[in-house]
């Protein structure tokens, strides 16, 4: 089981920095999972630990992930995600610079169940959802890649990956969506950098930040 850094912990939740290559839920193909790690970690202090998966990150994606340690915390955090009151900020290193340094992308996105990939479809297509995100160029890198800050407004399957690729800016390492350059084994250059939510117990607004394996320094 790979090392999993803990970013924040309380009596009712855990926030971790998920490594690239780790699946979130128990996997029938035998991949190591966050769920298995959490059970093992919490078993040190509880005979019957509760592990509630609040949200998901794709296996090749790294970054902030929340785990509920109580059922009521899971219900409240799920409610916040459904109400879109959770703020999410990602970093993405892409192969090509976007035509504009910032902007909003809106696409109708469906899912190809057989190929397990997202597809941009005509508006109002059956099974498709309107997906939106904002992006901002953070830095142009010496290797020609571009670092983007991405703020998704929705959270659908492979949304960021397919929307950036459709813009002509595939994420480095994401061969599924047209990338030609490698990133790391079992990983793509997409990182869930910051997450803001309301603590289910205290009611305080929290910001959790996961140190990124991608360059994060802004250009000046």
N, C-alpha and C. Protein backbone atom coordinates (compact mmCIF):
# COMPACT_ATOMS: atom_id res chain seq x y z
N UNK A 1 0.85 -1.19 0.00
CA UNK A 1 0.00 0.00 0.00
C UNK A 1 0.89 1.25 0.00
N UNK A 2 0.68 2.17 -0.95
CA UNK A 2 1.50 3.38 -0.98
C UNK A 2 1.24 4.28 0.22
N UNK A 3 2.19 5.16 0.52
CA UNK A 3 2.03 6.12 1.59
C UNK A 3 0.96 7.14 1.22
N UNK A 4 0.08 7.45 2.18
CA UNK A 4 -1.01 8.40 1.93
C UNK A 4 -0.90 9.54 2.94
N UNK A 5 -0.49 10.74 2.51
CA UNK A 5 -0.37 11.87 3.44
C UNK A 5 -1.73 12.35 3.94
N UNK A 6 -1.83 12.60 5.24
CA UNK A 6 -3.05 13.14 5.84
C UNK A 6 -2.93 14.65 5.92
N UNK A 7 -3.88 15.36 5.37
CA UNK A 7 -3.87 16.82 5.34
C UNK A 7 -4.64 17.43 6.52
N UNK A 8 -5.70 16.73 6.94
CA UNK A 8 -6.55 17.24 8.03
C UNK A 8 -7.29 16.05 8.62
N UNK A 9 -7.43 16.06 9.94
CA UNK A 9 -8.19 14.99 10.59
C UNK A 9 -8.94 15.54 11.79
N UNK A 10 -10.18 15.10 11.95
CA UNK A 10 -10.98 15.43 13.12
C UNK A 10 -11.70 14.16 13.56
N UNK A 11 -12.59 14.29 14.51
CA UNK A 11 -13.31 13.12 15.01
C UNK A 11 -14.26 12.54 13.97
N UNK A 12 -14.60 13.32 12.94
CA UNK A 12 -15.64 12.89 12.01
C UNK A 12 -15.22 12.87 10.55
N UNK A 13 -14.00 13.33 10.24
CA UNK A 13 -13.58 13.26 8.84
C UNK A 13 -12.06 13.26 8.71
N UNK A 14 -11.62 12.81 7.54
CA UNK A 14 -10.22 12.79 7.14
C UNK A 14 -10.12 13.49 5.79
N UNK A 15 -9.06 14.27 5.61
CA UNK A 15 -8.73 14.80 4.29
C UNK A 15 -7.32 14.33 3.96
N UNK A 16 -7.16 13.67 2.82
CA UNK A 16 -5.87 13.11 2.43
C UNK A 16 -5.41 13.70 1.10
N UNK A 17 -4.12 13.51 0.82
CA UNK A 17 -3.57 13.84 -0.49
C UNK A 17 -3.40 12.53 -1.24
N UNK A 18 -4.39 12.19 -2.05
CA UNK A 18 -4.38 10.90 -2.75
C UNK A 18 -3.25 10.86 -3.78
N UNK A 19 -2.42 9.82 -3.74
CA UNK A 19 -1.36 9.71 -4.74
C UNK A 19 -1.92 9.27 -6.10
N UNK A 20 -1.19 9.60 -7.17
CA UNK A 20 -1.52 9.08 -8.49
C UNK A 20 -1.51 7.55 -8.44
N UNK A 21 -2.42 6.92 -9.18
CA UNK A 21 -2.42 5.46 -9.31
C UNK A 21 -3.22 4.72 -8.27
N UNK A 22 -3.75 5.43 -7.28
CA UNK A 22 -4.53 4.79 -6.21
C UNK A 22 -6.02 4.96 -6.51
N UNK A 23 -6.77 3.84 -6.58
CA UNK A 23 -8.21 3.97 -6.77
C UNK A 23 -8.86 4.37 -5.46
N UNK A 24 -10.07 4.90 -5.51
CA UNK A 24 -10.73 5.38 -4.29
C UNK A 24 -11.45 4.24 -3.58
N UNK A 25 -12.33 3.53 -4.28
CA UNK A 25 -13.08 2.44 -3.66
C UNK A 25 -12.39 1.10 -3.89
N UNK A 26 -12.73 0.11 -3.06
CA UNK A 26 -12.17 -1.24 -3.24
C UNK A 26 -12.34 -1.67 -4.69
N UNK A 27 -11.28 -2.26 -5.26
CA UNK A 27 -11.26 -2.52 -6.69
C UNK A 27 -11.21 -4.02 -6.97
N UNK A 28 -12.11 -4.53 -7.84
CA UNK A 28 -12.14 -5.97 -8.14
C UNK A 28 -10.90 -6.44 -8.91
N UNK A 29 -10.16 -5.51 -9.52
CA UNK A 29 -8.97 -5.88 -10.29
C UNK A 29 -7.71 -5.92 -9.42
N UNK A 30 -7.86 -5.61 -8.16
CA UNK A 30 -6.74 -5.74 -7.24
C UNK A 30 -5.88 -4.50 -7.08
N UNK A 31 -6.30 -3.35 -7.65
CA UNK A 31 -5.53 -2.13 -7.44
C UNK A 31 -5.63 -1.71 -5.97
N UNK A 32 -4.55 -1.19 -5.39
CA UNK A 32 -4.64 -0.64 -4.03
C UNK A 32 -5.67 0.49 -3.99
N UNK A 33 -6.41 0.60 -2.88
CA UNK A 33 -7.48 1.59 -2.82
C UNK A 33 -7.39 2.45 -1.57
N UNK A 34 -7.93 3.66 -1.69
CA UNK A 34 -8.04 4.56 -0.54
C UNK A 34 -8.91 3.92 0.54
N UNK A 35 -9.98 3.26 0.14
CA UNK A 35 -10.89 2.63 1.11
C UNK A 35 -10.16 1.61 1.98
N UNK A 36 -9.34 0.76 1.35
CA UNK A 36 -8.58 -0.23 2.11
C UNK A 36 -7.58 0.45 3.04
N UNK A 37 -6.91 1.48 2.52
CA UNK A 37 -5.95 2.21 3.36
C UNK A 37 -6.65 2.81 4.57
N UNK A 38 -7.83 3.44 4.36
CA UNK A 38 -8.54 4.10 5.45
C UNK A 38 -8.98 3.10 6.52
N UNK A 39 -9.46 1.94 6.09
CA UNK A 39 -9.85 0.91 7.06
C UNK A 39 -8.64 0.50 7.90
N UNK A 40 -7.53 0.28 7.25
CA UNK A 40 -6.31 -0.11 7.95
C UNK A 40 -5.85 0.99 8.91
N UNK A 41 -5.88 2.23 8.44
CA UNK A 41 -5.43 3.36 9.27
C UNK A 41 -6.34 3.55 10.48
N UNK A 42 -7.65 3.53 10.28
CA UNK A 42 -8.58 3.79 11.37
C UNK A 42 -8.72 2.60 12.32
N UNK A 43 -8.33 1.41 11.87
CA UNK A 43 -8.40 0.22 12.72
C UNK A 43 -7.42 0.31 13.89
N UNK A 44 -6.46 1.20 13.80
CA UNK A 44 -5.50 1.38 14.90
C UNK A 44 -6.16 1.99 16.13
N UNK A 45 -7.27 2.70 15.92
CA UNK A 45 -7.95 3.35 17.04
C UNK A 45 -9.40 2.93 17.19
N UNK A 46 -9.91 2.07 16.30
CA UNK A 46 -11.30 1.65 16.36
C UNK A 46 -11.43 0.19 15.92
N UNK A 47 -12.21 -0.59 16.66
CA UNK A 47 -12.40 -1.99 16.28
C UNK A 47 -13.26 -2.12 15.03
N UNK A 48 -14.22 -1.24 14.87
CA UNK A 48 -15.09 -1.26 13.70
C UNK A 48 -15.13 0.13 13.07
N UNK A 49 -14.08 0.51 12.36
CA UNK A 49 -14.03 1.86 11.78
C UNK A 49 -15.08 2.05 10.69
N UNK A 50 -15.63 3.25 10.65
CA UNK A 50 -16.55 3.60 9.57
C UNK A 50 -15.78 4.39 8.52
N UNK A 51 -15.89 3.98 7.28
CA UNK A 51 -15.23 4.68 6.18
C UNK A 51 -16.29 5.06 5.15
N UNK A 52 -16.60 6.33 5.06
CA UNK A 52 -17.57 6.83 4.11
C UNK A 52 -16.89 7.58 2.98
N UNK A 53 -17.02 7.09 1.77
CA UNK A 53 -16.43 7.73 0.61
C UNK A 53 -17.31 8.91 0.20
N UNK A 54 -16.81 10.12 0.38
CA UNK A 54 -17.59 11.33 0.14
C UNK A 54 -17.65 11.66 -1.36
N UNK A 55 -16.50 11.59 -2.03
CA UNK A 55 -16.43 11.90 -3.46
C UNK A 55 -15.27 11.09 -4.04
N UNK A 56 -15.02 11.23 -5.32
CA UNK A 56 -14.04 10.38 -5.98
C UNK A 56 -13.09 11.20 -6.85
N UNK A 57 -11.89 10.66 -6.99
CA UNK A 57 -10.93 11.15 -7.97
C UNK A 57 -10.54 9.97 -8.84
N UNK A 58 -10.34 10.21 -10.12
CA UNK A 58 -9.91 9.13 -11.01
C UNK A 58 -8.59 8.53 -10.53
N UNK A 59 -8.37 7.26 -10.84
CA UNK A 59 -7.15 6.57 -10.39
C UNK A 59 -5.87 7.32 -10.75
N UNK A 60 -5.73 7.89 -11.99
CA UNK A 60 -4.47 8.56 -12.30
C UNK A 60 -4.34 9.98 -11.77
N UNK A 61 -5.37 10.47 -11.06
CA UNK A 61 -5.39 11.85 -10.56
C UNK A 61 -4.97 11.88 -9.10
N UNK A 62 -4.22 12.90 -8.70
CA UNK A 62 -3.80 13.07 -7.32
C UNK A 62 -4.58 14.21 -6.66
N UNK A 63 -4.46 14.33 -5.33
CA UNK A 63 -4.98 15.52 -4.65
C UNK A 63 -5.94 15.28 -3.51
N UNK A 64 -6.58 16.38 -3.09
CA UNK A 64 -7.43 16.38 -1.89
C UNK A 64 -8.62 15.44 -2.06
N UNK A 65 -8.80 14.58 -1.07
CA UNK A 65 -9.94 13.66 -1.05
C UNK A 65 -10.47 13.59 0.37
N UNK A 66 -11.80 13.69 0.52
CA UNK A 66 -12.43 13.63 1.84
C UNK A 66 -12.97 12.24 2.13
N UNK A 67 -12.81 11.81 3.39
CA UNK A 67 -13.34 10.53 3.87
C UNK A 67 -14.09 10.80 5.16
N UNK A 68 -15.34 10.39 5.22
CA UNK A 68 -16.13 10.58 6.44
C UNK A 68 -15.89 9.43 7.40
N UNK A 69 -15.75 9.77 8.68
CA UNK A 69 -15.56 8.76 9.73
C UNK A 69 -16.86 8.48 10.49
N UNK A 70 -17.91 9.23 10.16
CA UNK A 70 -19.22 9.07 10.79
C UNK A 70 -20.29 9.15 9.70
N UNK A 71 -21.39 8.41 9.87
CA UNK A 71 -22.47 8.42 8.88
C UNK A 71 -23.09 9.80 8.71
N UNK A 72 -23.28 10.51 9.84
CA UNK A 72 -23.91 11.83 9.73
C UNK A 72 -22.99 12.81 9.01
N UNK A 73 -21.68 12.65 9.16
CA UNK A 73 -20.74 13.51 8.43
C UNK A 73 -20.81 13.21 6.93
N UNK A 74 -20.94 11.93 6.58
CA UNK A 74 -21.07 11.55 5.17
C UNK A 74 -22.31 12.16 4.56
N UNK A 75 -23.44 12.08 5.26
CA UNK A 75 -24.69 12.64 4.75
C UNK A 75 -24.55 14.14 4.50
N UNK A 76 -23.95 14.86 5.46
CA UNK A 76 -23.84 16.32 5.34
C UNK A 76 -22.87 16.71 4.22
N UNK A 77 -21.75 16.01 4.11
CA UNK A 77 -20.80 16.33 3.06
C UNK A 77 -21.36 15.99 1.68
N UNK A 78 -22.09 14.87 1.59
CA UNK A 78 -22.77 14.54 0.32
C UNK A 78 -23.77 15.63 -0.06
N UNK A 79 -24.47 16.16 0.94
CA UNK A 79 -25.44 17.22 0.67
C UNK A 79 -24.74 18.46 0.11
N UNK A 80 -23.59 18.78 0.67
CA UNK A 80 -22.84 19.96 0.20
C UNK A 80 -22.36 19.78 -1.24
N UNK A 81 -21.90 18.58 -1.58
CA UNK A 81 -21.48 18.32 -2.95
C UNK A 81 -22.67 18.42 -3.91
N UNK A 82 -23.81 17.86 -3.49
CA UNK A 82 -25.00 17.90 -4.35
C UNK A 82 -25.50 19.33 -4.53
N UNK A 83 -25.36 20.16 -3.47
CA UNK A 83 -25.80 21.56 -3.54
C UNK A 83 -24.77 22.45 -4.23
N UNK A 84 -23.63 21.87 -4.60
CA UNK A 84 -22.53 22.60 -5.26
C UNK A 84 -22.01 23.74 -4.40
N UNK A 85 -22.01 23.53 -3.08
CA UNK A 85 -21.45 24.54 -2.18
C UNK A 85 -19.99 24.24 -1.84
N UNK A 86 -19.46 23.15 -2.38
CA UNK A 86 -18.05 22.81 -2.21
C UNK A 86 -17.25 23.46 -3.33
N UNK A 87 -16.19 24.19 -2.98
CA UNK A 87 -15.33 24.81 -3.99
C UNK A 87 -14.16 23.88 -4.28
N UNK A 88 -13.88 23.66 -5.56
CA UNK A 88 -12.78 22.78 -5.98
C UNK A 88 -11.85 23.53 -6.91
N UNK A 89 -10.56 23.46 -6.62
CA UNK A 89 -9.55 24.07 -7.49
C UNK A 89 -8.53 23.00 -7.86
N UNK A 90 -8.34 22.81 -9.15
CA UNK A 90 -7.39 21.83 -9.66
C UNK A 90 -6.22 22.53 -10.34
N UNK A 91 -5.12 21.80 -10.47
CA UNK A 91 -4.02 22.20 -11.33
C UNK A 91 -3.91 21.17 -12.44
N UNK A 92 -3.72 21.65 -13.66
CA UNK A 92 -3.57 20.75 -14.80
C UNK A 92 -2.41 21.23 -15.65
N UNK A 93 -1.48 20.34 -15.96
CA UNK A 93 -0.41 20.66 -16.90
C UNK A 93 -0.83 20.09 -18.25
N UNK A 94 -0.97 20.98 -19.23
CA UNK A 94 -1.51 20.58 -20.53
C UNK A 94 -0.44 20.71 -21.61
N UNK A 95 -0.65 19.96 -22.69
CA UNK A 95 0.37 19.92 -23.74
C UNK A 95 0.42 21.19 -24.58
N UNK A 96 -0.72 21.81 -24.81
CA UNK A 96 -0.77 22.99 -25.68
C UNK A 96 -1.35 24.17 -24.93
N UNK A 97 -0.87 25.39 -25.19
CA UNK A 97 -1.47 26.55 -24.53
C UNK A 97 -2.85 26.84 -25.09
N UNK A 98 -3.79 27.26 -24.25
CA UNK A 98 -5.12 27.62 -24.77
C UNK A 98 -5.04 28.91 -25.58
N UNK A 99 -6.00 29.11 -26.46
CA UNK A 99 -6.02 30.31 -27.30
C UNK A 99 -6.17 31.58 -26.46
N UNK A 100 -6.92 31.48 -25.37
CA UNK A 100 -7.10 32.60 -24.44
C UNK A 100 -6.49 32.23 -23.10
N UNK A 101 -5.95 33.22 -22.38
CA UNK A 101 -5.28 32.93 -21.11
C UNK A 101 -6.26 32.56 -20.00
N UNK A 102 -7.54 32.86 -20.18
CA UNK A 102 -8.56 32.47 -19.21
C UNK A 102 -9.88 32.36 -19.93
N UNK A 103 -10.80 31.63 -19.31
CA UNK A 103 -12.10 31.50 -19.94
C UNK A 103 -12.98 30.50 -19.23
N UNK A 104 -14.19 30.33 -19.74
CA UNK A 104 -15.15 29.36 -19.21
C UNK A 104 -15.49 28.38 -20.32
N UNK A 105 -15.47 27.10 -19.99
CA UNK A 105 -15.83 26.06 -20.95
C UNK A 105 -17.17 25.46 -20.56
N UNK A 106 -18.02 25.23 -21.53
CA UNK A 106 -19.32 24.58 -21.31
C UNK A 106 -19.53 23.55 -22.41
N UNK A 107 -19.71 22.31 -22.03
CA UNK A 107 -19.95 21.22 -22.98
C UNK A 107 -21.02 20.28 -22.41
N UNK A 108 -21.78 19.68 -23.31
CA UNK A 108 -22.65 18.58 -22.91
C UNK A 108 -21.81 17.30 -22.96
N UNK A 109 -21.70 16.62 -21.83
CA UNK A 109 -20.80 15.48 -21.72
C UNK A 109 -21.58 14.22 -21.34
N UNK A 110 -21.39 13.17 -22.12
CA UNK A 110 -21.97 11.87 -21.82
C UNK A 110 -20.87 10.86 -21.55
N UNK A 111 -21.25 9.61 -21.38
CA UNK A 111 -20.28 8.56 -21.04
C UNK A 111 -20.44 7.37 -21.97
N UNK A 112 -19.33 6.94 -22.53
CA UNK A 112 -19.28 5.70 -23.31
C UNK A 112 -18.99 4.57 -22.32
N UNK A 113 -20.01 3.82 -21.94
CA UNK A 113 -19.87 2.79 -20.91
C UNK A 113 -18.90 1.70 -21.33
N UNK A 114 -18.92 1.33 -22.61
CA UNK A 114 -18.06 0.25 -23.09
C UNK A 114 -16.59 0.63 -23.02
N UNK A 115 -16.28 1.83 -23.49
CA UNK A 115 -14.89 2.30 -23.52
C UNK A 115 -14.47 2.99 -22.23
N UNK A 116 -15.42 3.24 -21.34
CA UNK A 116 -15.16 3.92 -20.06
C UNK A 116 -14.46 5.25 -20.29
N UNK A 117 -15.07 6.07 -21.14
CA UNK A 117 -14.53 7.39 -21.40
C UNK A 117 -15.68 8.37 -21.60
N UNK A 118 -15.40 9.65 -21.37
CA UNK A 118 -16.40 10.69 -21.56
C UNK A 118 -16.43 11.11 -23.02
N UNK A 119 -17.57 11.67 -23.44
CA UNK A 119 -17.74 12.13 -24.81
C UNK A 119 -18.48 13.46 -24.80
N UNK A 120 -18.01 14.41 -25.60
CA UNK A 120 -18.78 15.65 -25.80
C UNK A 120 -19.86 15.36 -26.83
N UNK A 121 -21.10 15.73 -26.49
CA UNK A 121 -22.25 15.41 -27.33
C UNK A 121 -23.07 16.67 -27.63
N UNK A 122 -23.98 16.59 -28.61
CA UNK A 122 -24.85 17.73 -28.88
C UNK A 122 -25.69 18.09 -27.66
N UNK A 123 -26.09 19.34 -27.57
CA UNK A 123 -26.88 19.82 -26.43
C UNK A 123 -28.13 18.97 -26.23
N UNK A 124 -28.41 18.69 -24.96
CA UNK A 124 -29.62 17.97 -24.55
C UNK A 124 -29.65 16.52 -25.03
N UNK A 125 -28.48 15.94 -25.37
CA UNK A 125 -28.44 14.53 -25.75
C UNK A 125 -28.85 13.66 -24.57
N UNK A 126 -29.56 12.55 -24.82
CA UNK A 126 -29.95 11.65 -23.72
C UNK A 126 -28.72 11.16 -22.96
N UNK A 127 -28.78 11.26 -21.65
CA UNK A 127 -27.68 10.78 -20.81
C UNK A 127 -26.52 11.74 -20.67
N UNK A 128 -26.59 12.90 -21.35
CA UNK A 128 -25.50 13.88 -21.26
C UNK A 128 -25.86 14.97 -20.26
N UNK A 129 -24.82 15.59 -19.67
CA UNK A 129 -25.00 16.64 -18.69
C UNK A 129 -24.23 17.88 -19.14
N UNK A 130 -24.76 19.05 -18.85
CA UNK A 130 -24.06 20.29 -19.14
C UNK A 130 -22.96 20.48 -18.11
N UNK A 131 -21.71 20.45 -18.56
CA UNK A 131 -20.56 20.57 -17.67
C UNK A 131 -19.88 21.91 -17.91
N UNK A 132 -19.49 22.56 -16.81
CA UNK A 132 -18.87 23.88 -16.91
C UNK A 132 -17.64 23.95 -16.02
N UNK A 133 -16.64 24.68 -16.50
CA UNK A 133 -15.45 24.95 -15.69
C UNK A 133 -14.84 26.28 -16.11
N UNK A 134 -14.11 26.90 -15.19
CA UNK A 134 -13.30 28.08 -15.49
C UNK A 134 -11.84 27.66 -15.48
N UNK A 135 -11.04 28.27 -16.36
CA UNK A 135 -9.61 27.98 -16.35
C UNK A 135 -8.83 29.29 -16.42
N UNK A 136 -7.61 29.26 -15.90
CA UNK A 136 -6.72 30.41 -15.90
C UNK A 136 -5.29 29.91 -16.08
N UNK A 137 -4.56 30.47 -17.05
CA UNK A 137 -3.15 30.10 -17.22
C UNK A 137 -2.36 30.60 -16.01
N UNK A 138 -1.61 29.69 -15.37
CA UNK A 138 -0.75 30.06 -14.26
C UNK A 138 0.68 30.30 -14.71
N UNK A 139 1.14 29.45 -15.63
CA UNK A 139 2.56 29.52 -15.98
C UNK A 139 2.80 28.78 -17.29
N UNK A 140 3.67 29.35 -18.12
CA UNK A 140 4.17 28.64 -19.30
C UNK A 140 5.50 28.01 -18.92
N UNK A 141 5.62 26.71 -19.12
CA UNK A 141 6.79 25.97 -18.64
C UNK A 141 7.86 25.87 -19.73
N UNK A 142 9.13 25.71 -19.34
CA UNK A 142 10.22 25.64 -20.31
C UNK A 142 10.06 24.54 -21.35
N UNK A 143 9.37 23.45 -20.98
CA UNK A 143 9.21 22.33 -21.93
C UNK A 143 8.07 22.56 -22.92
N UNK A 144 7.47 23.73 -22.88
CA UNK A 144 6.38 24.04 -23.80
C UNK A 144 5.00 23.72 -23.26
N UNK A 145 4.93 23.02 -22.13
CA UNK A 145 3.65 22.74 -21.51
C UNK A 145 3.12 23.97 -20.78
N UNK A 146 1.85 23.96 -20.46
CA UNK A 146 1.21 25.09 -19.80
C UNK A 146 0.52 24.62 -18.53
N UNK A 147 0.71 25.36 -17.45
CA UNK A 147 0.05 25.04 -16.18
C UNK A 147 -1.22 25.86 -16.06
N UNK A 148 -2.35 25.17 -15.88
CA UNK A 148 -3.65 25.82 -15.73
C UNK A 148 -4.20 25.63 -14.32
N UNK A 149 -4.87 26.66 -13.83
CA UNK A 149 -5.71 26.53 -12.65
C UNK A 149 -7.13 26.31 -13.15
N UNK A 150 -7.78 25.27 -12.66
CA UNK A 150 -9.10 24.89 -13.17
C UNK A 150 -10.10 24.85 -12.01
N UNK A 151 -11.24 25.49 -12.22
CA UNK A 151 -12.30 25.51 -11.21
C UNK A 151 -13.59 24.93 -11.82
N UNK A 152 -13.83 23.64 -11.62
CA UNK A 152 -15.05 23.04 -12.17
C UNK A 152 -16.28 23.47 -11.38
N UNK A 153 -17.36 23.74 -12.09
CA UNK A 153 -18.64 24.07 -11.44
C UNK A 153 -19.50 22.83 -11.28
N UNK A 154 -19.19 21.80 -12.05
CA UNK A 154 -19.91 20.53 -11.97
C UNK A 154 -18.87 19.44 -11.74
N UNK A 155 -19.33 18.22 -11.47
CA UNK A 155 -18.40 17.16 -11.13
C UNK A 155 -18.74 15.84 -11.80
N UNK A 156 -18.79 15.84 -13.11
CA UNK A 156 -19.17 14.64 -13.85
C UNK A 156 -17.94 13.82 -14.25
N UNK A 157 -18.19 12.60 -14.68
CA UNK A 157 -17.17 11.63 -15.05
C UNK A 157 -16.19 12.21 -16.08
N UNK A 158 -14.90 12.25 -15.71
CA UNK A 158 -13.82 12.69 -16.60
C UNK A 158 -14.05 14.09 -17.17
N UNK A 159 -14.82 14.90 -16.47
CA UNK A 159 -15.22 16.21 -17.01
C UNK A 159 -14.03 17.09 -17.38
N UNK A 160 -13.11 17.29 -16.45
CA UNK A 160 -11.98 18.19 -16.72
C UNK A 160 -11.14 17.63 -17.87
N UNK A 161 -10.93 16.33 -17.86
CA UNK A 161 -10.09 15.69 -18.87
C UNK A 161 -10.65 15.88 -20.28
N UNK A 162 -11.94 15.63 -20.45
CA UNK A 162 -12.52 15.73 -21.78
C UNK A 162 -12.71 17.19 -22.19
N UNK A 163 -13.04 18.08 -21.26
CA UNK A 163 -13.25 19.47 -21.64
C UNK A 163 -11.94 20.15 -22.07
N UNK A 164 -10.85 19.89 -21.34
CA UNK A 164 -9.57 20.48 -21.74
C UNK A 164 -9.09 19.88 -23.06
N UNK A 165 -9.29 18.58 -23.25
CA UNK A 165 -8.89 17.95 -24.51
C UNK A 165 -9.69 18.51 -25.68
N UNK A 166 -10.98 18.74 -25.46
CA UNK A 166 -11.83 19.30 -26.52
C UNK A 166 -11.38 20.70 -26.89
N UNK A 167 -10.82 21.43 -25.93
CA UNK A 167 -10.28 22.76 -26.19
C UNK A 167 -8.96 22.69 -26.95
N UNK A 168 -8.42 21.49 -27.14
CA UNK A 168 -7.13 21.34 -27.80
C UNK A 168 -5.96 21.31 -26.84
N UNK A 169 -6.25 21.11 -25.55
CA UNK A 169 -5.22 21.15 -24.51
C UNK A 169 -5.29 19.87 -23.66
N UNK A 170 -4.94 18.71 -24.23
CA UNK A 170 -5.00 17.49 -23.43
C UNK A 170 -4.03 17.54 -22.26
N UNK A 171 -4.41 16.91 -21.16
CA UNK A 171 -3.57 16.87 -19.96
C UNK A 171 -2.38 15.95 -20.21
N UNK A 172 -1.20 16.38 -19.81
CA UNK A 172 0.02 15.60 -20.01
C UNK A 172 -0.16 14.21 -19.38
N UNK A 173 0.13 13.19 -20.15
CA UNK A 173 0.02 11.81 -19.69
C UNK A 173 -1.33 11.17 -19.93
N UNK A 174 -2.33 11.96 -20.35
CA UNK A 174 -3.70 11.44 -20.49
C UNK A 174 -3.92 10.91 -21.91
N UNK A 175 -3.34 9.76 -22.21
CA UNK A 175 -3.43 9.18 -23.55
C UNK A 175 -4.87 8.89 -23.96
N UNK A 176 -5.72 8.59 -23.00
CA UNK A 176 -7.13 8.29 -23.29
C UNK A 176 -7.80 9.46 -24.03
N UNK A 177 -7.34 10.68 -23.75
CA UNK A 177 -7.94 11.86 -24.36
C UNK A 177 -6.95 12.61 -25.27
N UNK A 178 -6.02 11.86 -25.85
CA UNK A 178 -5.22 12.42 -26.93
C UNK A 178 -3.85 12.95 -26.58
N UNK A 179 -3.41 12.83 -25.33
CA UNK A 179 -2.08 13.31 -24.97
C UNK A 179 -1.00 12.45 -25.63
N UNK A 180 0.09 13.08 -26.03
CA UNK A 180 1.20 12.37 -26.66
C UNK A 180 2.40 12.22 -25.73
N UNK A 181 2.48 13.05 -24.70
CA UNK A 181 3.63 13.03 -23.81
C UNK A 181 3.29 12.32 -22.50
N UNK A 182 4.30 11.64 -21.93
CA UNK A 182 4.12 10.88 -20.69
C UNK A 182 4.27 11.79 -19.47
N UNK A 183 3.66 11.39 -18.37
CA UNK A 183 3.78 12.13 -17.11
C UNK A 183 4.49 11.28 -16.07
N UNK A 184 3.82 10.28 -15.55
CA UNK A 184 4.41 9.33 -14.61
C UNK A 184 3.62 8.03 -14.71
N UNK A 185 4.20 6.89 -14.32
CA UNK A 185 3.45 5.64 -14.37
C UNK A 185 2.15 5.75 -13.57
N UNK A 186 1.04 5.33 -14.17
CA UNK A 186 -0.27 5.34 -13.51
C UNK A 186 -0.75 6.73 -13.12
N UNK A 187 -0.21 7.77 -13.78
CA UNK A 187 -0.62 9.11 -13.40
C UNK A 187 -0.75 10.04 -14.59
N UNK A 188 -1.63 11.03 -14.45
CA UNK A 188 -1.72 12.14 -15.40
C UNK A 188 -1.50 13.43 -14.61
N UNK A 189 -1.17 14.51 -15.33
CA UNK A 189 -0.81 15.77 -14.66
C UNK A 189 -2.05 16.59 -14.31
N UNK A 190 -2.94 15.97 -13.53
CA UNK A 190 -4.13 16.63 -13.00
C UNK A 190 -4.16 16.41 -11.50
N UNK A 191 -4.26 17.51 -10.75
CA UNK A 191 -4.14 17.45 -9.29
C UNK A 191 -5.25 18.27 -8.64
N UNK A 192 -6.00 17.63 -7.73
CA UNK A 192 -7.03 18.33 -6.95
C UNK A 192 -6.31 19.13 -5.86
N UNK A 193 -6.08 20.40 -6.12
CA UNK A 193 -5.18 21.23 -5.33
C UNK A 193 -5.80 21.73 -4.03
N UNK A 194 -7.00 22.32 -4.13
CA UNK A 194 -7.65 22.91 -2.95
C UNK A 194 -9.12 22.54 -2.92
N UNK A 195 -9.65 22.41 -1.72
CA UNK A 195 -11.05 22.06 -1.53
C UNK A 195 -11.58 22.88 -0.36
N UNK A 196 -12.71 23.53 -0.56
CA UNK A 196 -13.34 24.31 0.50
C UNK A 196 -14.73 23.76 0.77
N UNK A 197 -15.03 23.53 2.05
CA UNK A 197 -16.32 22.97 2.44
C UNK A 197 -16.63 23.41 3.86
N UNK A 198 -17.85 23.16 4.30
CA UNK A 198 -18.26 23.50 5.66
C UNK A 198 -18.12 22.29 6.56
N UNK A 199 -17.40 22.45 7.65
CA UNK A 199 -17.20 21.34 8.58
C UNK A 199 -18.56 20.88 9.12
N UNK A 200 -18.88 19.58 8.98
CA UNK A 200 -20.21 19.09 9.39
C UNK A 200 -20.50 19.26 10.87
N UNK A 201 -19.47 19.32 11.71
CA UNK A 201 -19.68 19.40 13.16
C UNK A 201 -19.66 20.85 13.65
N UNK A 202 -18.61 21.59 13.29
CA UNK A 202 -18.45 22.95 13.83
C UNK A 202 -19.18 24.01 13.01
N UNK A 203 -19.43 23.73 11.74
CA UNK A 203 -20.03 24.73 10.87
C UNK A 203 -19.03 25.72 10.30
N UNK A 204 -17.74 25.55 10.63
CA UNK A 204 -16.71 26.43 10.11
C UNK A 204 -16.42 26.12 8.64
N UNK A 205 -16.08 27.16 7.90
CA UNK A 205 -15.67 26.96 6.51
C UNK A 205 -14.18 26.61 6.49
N UNK A 206 -13.86 25.49 5.87
CA UNK A 206 -12.48 25.00 5.85
C UNK A 206 -11.92 25.03 4.43
N UNK A 207 -10.63 25.35 4.32
CA UNK A 207 -9.88 25.20 3.07
C UNK A 207 -8.80 24.17 3.32
N UNK A 208 -8.75 23.13 2.50
CA UNK A 208 -7.70 22.12 2.61
C UNK A 208 -6.91 22.16 1.32
N UNK A 209 -5.58 22.22 1.45
CA UNK A 209 -4.70 22.29 0.27
C UNK A 209 -3.75 21.11 0.26
N UNK A 210 -3.61 20.49 -0.90
CA UNK A 210 -2.71 19.35 -1.06
C UNK A 210 -1.48 19.78 -1.85
N UNK A 211 -0.29 19.70 -1.26
CA UNK A 211 0.92 20.00 -2.02
C UNK A 211 0.94 19.21 -3.32
N UNK A 212 1.33 19.88 -4.40
CA UNK A 212 1.18 19.28 -5.72
C UNK A 212 2.50 18.76 -6.26
N UNK A 213 2.45 17.61 -6.97
CA UNK A 213 3.63 17.16 -7.69
C UNK A 213 3.87 17.96 -8.97
N UNK A 214 2.88 18.81 -9.33
CA UNK A 214 3.00 19.66 -10.51
C UNK A 214 3.54 21.02 -10.06
N UNK A 215 4.31 21.70 -10.91
CA UNK A 215 4.84 23.02 -10.59
C UNK A 215 3.68 23.96 -10.28
N UNK A 216 3.77 24.70 -9.15
CA UNK A 216 2.66 25.56 -8.76
C UNK A 216 3.05 27.04 -8.68
N UNK A 217 4.31 27.37 -8.89
CA UNK A 217 4.74 28.77 -8.76
C UNK A 217 4.19 29.60 -9.90
N UNK A 218 3.56 30.67 -9.58
CA UNK A 218 3.03 31.57 -10.60
C UNK A 218 4.17 32.34 -11.27
N UNK A 219 3.99 32.66 -12.53
CA UNK A 219 4.93 33.55 -13.21
C UNK A 219 4.57 34.99 -12.88
N UNK A 220 5.54 35.87 -12.89
CA UNK A 220 5.30 37.28 -12.55
C UNK A 220 5.70 38.17 -13.72
